[in-house]
Amino acid sequence: MRTYALRLKPGQDVRQQLTAFTTEHQIRAGAMVTCVGSLTQVTLRLANQENPTVYHGHFEIVSLVGTLSTNGSHLHLAVSDSTGRTIGGHLLDGNLVYTTAELVIGVLDNLDFRREPDPTFNYRELTIYPITPAAKRRKQ
């Protein structure tokens, strides 16, 4: 696994920055290794809800997990407030950095993550394809 480390600065949007980074580095199969930091605005899609929920205040990032790909990413965020109350859900645009967000991303060069319709619920779900040595040579 190849890794990248990056730091987001105050005011930056976590999801937008991850999408831009994934595109810039042409990451076809990546995973969040770790993330710590703080946010002033949290925007999540909570479990079994269609619309986003937005929280304002000061929050510590306690977890950011998921998969990254130029073909579509799937990330979940958990944050805690000043009382330790923790909330989490699907990461959307609108998660704004307060002081910092320190991220480590792992890249799996022999895989290609894609989002394809799953007939069970009709959602676009992760499909994993191996990248053959011949395909790797063509990519270089």
C-alpha atoms as a PDB file:
ATOM      1  CA  MET A   1       0.000   0.000   0.000  1.00  0.00           C
ATOM      2  CA  ARG A   2       1.218   3.470  -0.947  1.00  0.00           C
ATOM      3  CA  THR A   3       0.332   6.292   1.476  1.00  0.00           C
ATOM      4  CA  TYR A   4      -0.230  10.030   1.390  1.00  0.00           C
ATOM      5  CA  ALA A   5      -0.407  12.431   4.313  1.00  0.00           C
ATOM      6  CA  LEU A   6      -2.055  15.817   4.108  1.00  0.00           C
ATOM      7  CA  ARG A   7      -3.278  18.604   6.331  1.00  0.00           C
ATOM      8  CA  LEU A   8      -6.391  20.654   5.733  1.00  0.00           C
ATOM      9  CA  LYS A   9      -6.494  24.214   6.997  1.00  0.00           C
ATOM     10  CA  PRO A  10      -9.173  26.382   8.614  1.00  0.00           C
ATOM     11  CA  GLY A  11     -12.275  26.861   6.491  1.00  0.00           C
ATOM     12  CA  GLN A  12     -11.560  24.043   4.047  1.00  0.00           C
ATOM     13  CA  ASP A  13     -14.327  21.536   3.298  1.00  0.00           C
ATOM     14  CA  VAL A  14     -13.201  17.987   4.148  1.00  0.00           C
ATOM     15  CA  ARG A  15     -15.184  16.138   1.466  1.00  0.00           C
ATOM     16  CA  GLN A  16     -14.421  18.644  -1.276  1.00  0.00           C
ATOM     17  CA  GLN A  17     -10.702  18.521  -0.476  1.00  0.00           C
ATOM     18  CA  LEU A  18     -10.699  14.702  -0.447  1.00  0.00           C
ATOM     19  CA  THR A  19     -12.510  14.623  -3.792  1.00  0.00           C
ATOM     20  CA  ALA A  20     -10.013  17.074  -5.294  1.00  0.00           C
ATOM     21  CA  PHE A  21      -7.055  15.121  -3.879  1.00  0.00           C
ATOM     22  CA  THR A  22      -8.449  11.824  -5.212  1.00  0.00           C
ATOM     23  CA  THR A  23      -8.882  13.371  -8.665  1.00  0.00           C
ATOM     24  CA  GLU A  24      -5.485  15.099  -8.660  1.00  0.00           C
ATOM     25  CA  HIS A  25      -3.672  11.868  -7.742  1.00  0.00           C
ATOM     26  CA  GLN A  26      -5.947   9.649  -9.868  1.00  0.00           C
ATOM     27  CA  ILE A  27      -6.683   7.343  -6.913  1.00  0.00           C
ATOM     28  CA  ARG A  28      -8.720   4.399  -8.206  1.00  0.00           C
ATOM     29  CA  ALA A  29      -8.753   2.479  -4.912  1.00  0.00           C
ATOM     30  CA  GLY A  30      -7.992   4.216  -1.648  1.00  0.00           C
ATOM     31  CA  ALA A  31      -8.889   4.012   2.019  1.00  0.00           C
ATOM     32  CA  MET A  32      -8.828   6.432   4.915  1.00  0.00           C
ATOM     33  CA  VAL A  33      -6.116   5.262   7.294  1.00  0.00           C
ATOM     34  CA  THR A  34      -6.676   7.959   9.918  1.00  0.00           C
ATOM     35  CA  CYS A  35      -7.961  11.480  10.438  1.00  0.00           C
ATOM     36  CA  VAL A  36      -7.927  13.795  13.445  1.00  0.00           C
ATOM     37  CA  GLY A  37      -8.811  17.445  13.703  1.00  0.00           C
ATOM     38  CA  SER A  38     -11.654  19.816  14.417  1.00  0.00           C
ATOM     39  CA  LEU A  39     -14.668  21.282  12.628  1.00  0.00           C
ATOM     40  CA  THR A  40     -16.940  24.308  13.050  1.00  0.00           C
ATOM     41  CA  GLN A  41     -19.679  22.916  10.843  1.00  0.00           C
ATOM     42  CA  VAL A  42     -20.675  19.270  10.470  1.00  0.00           C
ATOM     43  CA  THR A  43     -22.947  18.103   7.658  1.00  0.00           C
ATOM     44  CA  LEU A  44     -24.009  14.464   7.713  1.00  0.00           C
ATOM     45  CA  ARG A  45     -26.618  12.203   6.224  1.00  0.00           C
ATOM     46  CA  LEU A  46     -27.746  10.248   9.264  1.00  0.00           C
ATOM     47  CA  ALA A  47     -28.797   6.594   9.153  1.00  0.00           C
ATOM     48  CA  ASN A  48     -31.965   5.963   7.131  1.00  0.00           C
ATOM     49  CA  GLN A  49     -32.467   9.696   6.427  1.00  0.00           C
ATOM     50  CA  GLU A  50     -32.640  11.273   2.981  1.00  0.00           C
ATOM     51  CA  ASN A  51     -31.815  14.882   3.869  1.00  0.00           C
ATOM     52  CA  PRO A  52     -28.632  16.287   5.436  1.00  0.00           C
ATOM     53  CA  THR A  53     -28.396  17.345   9.076  1.00  0.00           C
ATOM     54  CA  VAL A  54     -26.152  20.348   9.815  1.00  0.00           C
ATOM     55  CA  TYR A  55     -24.547  21.101  13.197  1.00  0.00           C
ATOM     56  CA  HIS A  56     -22.730  24.343  14.120  1.00  0.00           C
ATOM     57  CA  GLY A  57     -20.230  24.705  16.959  1.00  0.00           C
ATOM     58  CA  HIS A  58     -16.847  23.204  17.776  1.00  0.00           C
ATOM     59  CA  PHE A  59     -16.356  19.494  17.164  1.00  0.00           C
ATOM     60  CA  GLU A  60     -13.449  17.075  17.407  1.00  0.00           C
ATOM     61  CA  ILE A  61     -13.084  14.537  14.600  1.00  0.00           C
ATOM     62  CA  VAL A  62     -12.943  11.159  16.334  1.00  0.00           C
ATOM     63  CA  SER A  63     -13.148   9.038  13.183  1.00  0.00           C
ATOM     64  CA  LEU A  64     -13.242   9.324   9.407  1.00  0.00           C
ATOM     65  CA  VAL A  65     -13.424   5.990   7.595  1.00  0.00           C
ATOM     66  CA  GLY A  66     -14.253   4.765   4.132  1.00  0.00           C
ATOM     67  CA  THR A  67     -13.166   4.203   0.568  1.00  0.00           C
ATOM     68  CA  LEU A  68     -11.906   6.709  -1.995  1.00  0.00           C
ATOM     69  CA  SER A  69     -11.970   6.463  -5.763  1.00  0.00           C
ATOM     70  CA  THR A  70     -12.196   8.649  -8.834  1.00  0.00           C
ATOM     71  CA  ASN A  71     -15.224   6.431  -9.568  1.00  0.00           C
ATOM     72  CA  GLY A  72     -16.976   7.490  -6.330  1.00  0.00           C
ATOM     73  CA  SER A  73     -16.059   7.591  -2.661  1.00  0.00           C
ATOM     74  CA  HIS A  74     -17.989   6.442   0.425  1.00  0.00           C
ATOM     75  CA  LEU A  75     -16.994   8.044   3.729  1.00  0.00           C
ATOM     76  CA  HIS A  76     -18.432   8.122   7.262  1.00  0.00           C
ATOM     77  CA  LEU A  77     -17.526  10.739   9.869  1.00  0.00           C
ATOM     78  CA  ALA A  78     -17.882  10.679  13.666  1.00  0.00           C
ATOM     79  CA  VAL A  79     -17.393  13.831  15.737  1.00  0.00           C
ATOM     80  CA  SER A  80     -17.768  14.752  19.402  1.00  0.00           C
ATOM     81  CA  ASP A  81     -18.886  18.042  20.953  1.00  0.00           C
ATOM     82  CA  SER A  82     -17.575  19.803  24.076  1.00  0.00           C
ATOM     83  CA  THR A  83     -19.565  17.437  26.330  1.00  0.00           C
ATOM     84  CA  GLY A  84     -18.240  14.318  24.601  1.00  0.00           C
ATOM     85  CA  ARG A  85     -21.543  13.598  22.866  1.00  0.00           C
ATOM     86  CA  THR A  86     -20.687  11.790  19.652  1.00  0.00           C
ATOM     87  CA  ILE A  87     -22.627  11.789  16.389  1.00  0.00           C
ATOM     88  CA  GLY A  88     -21.823  10.224  13.072  1.00  0.00           C
ATOM     89  CA  GLY A  89     -23.059   9.517   9.601  1.00  0.00           C
ATOM     90  CA  HIS A  90     -22.355   9.731   5.889  1.00  0.00           C
ATOM     91  CA  LEU A  91     -19.862  12.536   5.078  1.00  0.00           C
ATOM     92  CA  LEU A  92     -21.358  15.224   2.823  1.00  0.00           C
ATOM     93  CA  ASP A  93     -20.080  18.574   1.565  1.00  0.00           C
ATOM     94  CA  GLY A  94     -20.245  21.180   4.345  1.00  0.00           C
ATOM     95  CA  ASN A  95     -17.780  19.850   6.941  1.00  0.00           C
ATOM     96  CA  LEU A  96     -15.596  22.885   7.595  1.00  0.00           C
ATOM     97  CA  VAL A  97     -12.209  22.687   9.311  1.00  0.00           C
ATOM     98  CA  TYR A  98     -11.796  24.704  12.514  1.00  0.00           C
ATOM     99  CA  THR A  99      -8.063  24.485  13.313  1.00  0.00           C
ATOM    100  CA  THR A 100      -6.770  21.502  11.334  1.00  0.00           C
ATOM    101  CA  ALA A 101      -7.585  18.124   9.834  1.00  0.00           C
ATOM    102  CA  GLU A 102      -4.670  15.704   9.581  1.00  0.00           C
ATOM    103  CA  LEU A 103      -5.314  12.835   7.176  1.00  0.00           C
ATOM    104  CA  VAL A 104      -3.480   9.722   6.048  1.00  0.00           C
ATOM    105  CA  ILE A 105      -4.741   7.974   2.911  1.00  0.00           C
ATOM    106  CA  GLY A 106      -3.731   4.506   1.742  1.00  0.00           C
ATOM    107  CA  VAL A 107      -3.756   3.635  -1.962  1.00  0.00           C
ATOM    108  CA  LEU A 108      -4.190   0.083  -3.264  1.00  0.00           C
ATOM    109  CA  ASP A 109      -2.531   0.208  -6.687  1.00  0.00           C
ATOM    110  CA  ASN A 110      -3.609  -3.298  -7.712  1.00  0.00           C
ATOM    111  CA  LEU A 111      -7.346  -2.574  -7.335  1.00  0.00           C
ATOM    112  CA  ASP A 112      -9.994  -0.433  -9.006  1.00  0.00           C
ATOM    113  CA  PHE A 113     -13.004   0.580  -6.878  1.00  0.00           C
ATOM    114  CA  ARG A 114     -16.172   1.299  -8.835  1.00  0.00           C
ATOM    115  CA  ARG A 115     -19.754   2.152  -7.854  1.00  0.00           C
ATOM    116  CA  GLU A 116     -22.309  -0.041  -9.622  1.00  0.00           C
ATOM    117  CA  PRO A 117     -26.044  -0.580  -9.090  1.00  0.00           C
ATOM    118  CA  ASP A 118     -26.827  -3.349  -6.596  1.00  0.00           C
ATOM    119  CA  PRO A 119     -30.218  -4.963  -7.277  1.00  0.00           C
ATOM    120  CA  THR A 120     -30.886  -5.549  -3.560  1.00  0.00           C
ATOM    121  CA  PHE A 121     -31.702  -1.899  -2.772  1.00  0.00           C
ATOM    122  CA  ASN A 122     -30.911  -0.201  -6.087  1.00  0.00           C
ATOM    123  CA  TYR A 123     -28.023   1.791  -4.573  1.00  0.00           C
ATOM    124  CA  ARG A 124     -24.689   2.209  -6.321  1.00  0.00           C
ATOM    125  CA  GLU A 125     -22.436  -0.013  -4.190  1.00  0.00           C
ATOM    126  CA  LEU A 126     -18.740  -0.834  -4.173  1.00  0.00           C
ATOM    127  CA  THR A 127     -17.521  -3.275  -6.803  1.00  0.00           C
ATOM    128  CA  ILE A 128     -13.858  -4.263  -6.654  1.00  0.00           C
ATOM    129  CA  TYR A 129     -11.859  -5.063  -9.770  1.00  0.00           C
ATOM    130  CA  PRO A 130      -8.271  -6.281  -9.850  1.00  0.00           C
ATOM    131  CA  ILE A 131      -5.823  -4.361 -12.008  1.00  0.00           C
ATOM    132  CA  THR A 132      -3.747  -6.806 -14.019  1.00  0.00           C
ATOM    133  CA  PRO A 133       0.001  -6.300 -14.499  1.00  0.00           C
ATOM    134  CA  ALA A 134      -0.637  -5.549 -18.218  1.00  0.00           C
ATOM    135  CA  ALA A 135      -3.163  -2.822 -17.311  1.00  0.00           C
ATOM    136  CA  LYS A 136      -0.643  -1.302 -14.877  1.00  0.00           C
ATOM    137  CA  ARG A 137       1.996  -1.120 -17.629  1.00  0.00           C
ATOM    138  CA  ARG A 138      -0.481   0.596 -19.999  1.00  0.00           C
ATOM    139  CA  LYS A 139      -1.357   3.125 -17.245  1.00  0.00           C
ATOM    140  CA  GLN A 140       2.312   4.110 -16.833  1.00  0.00           C
END
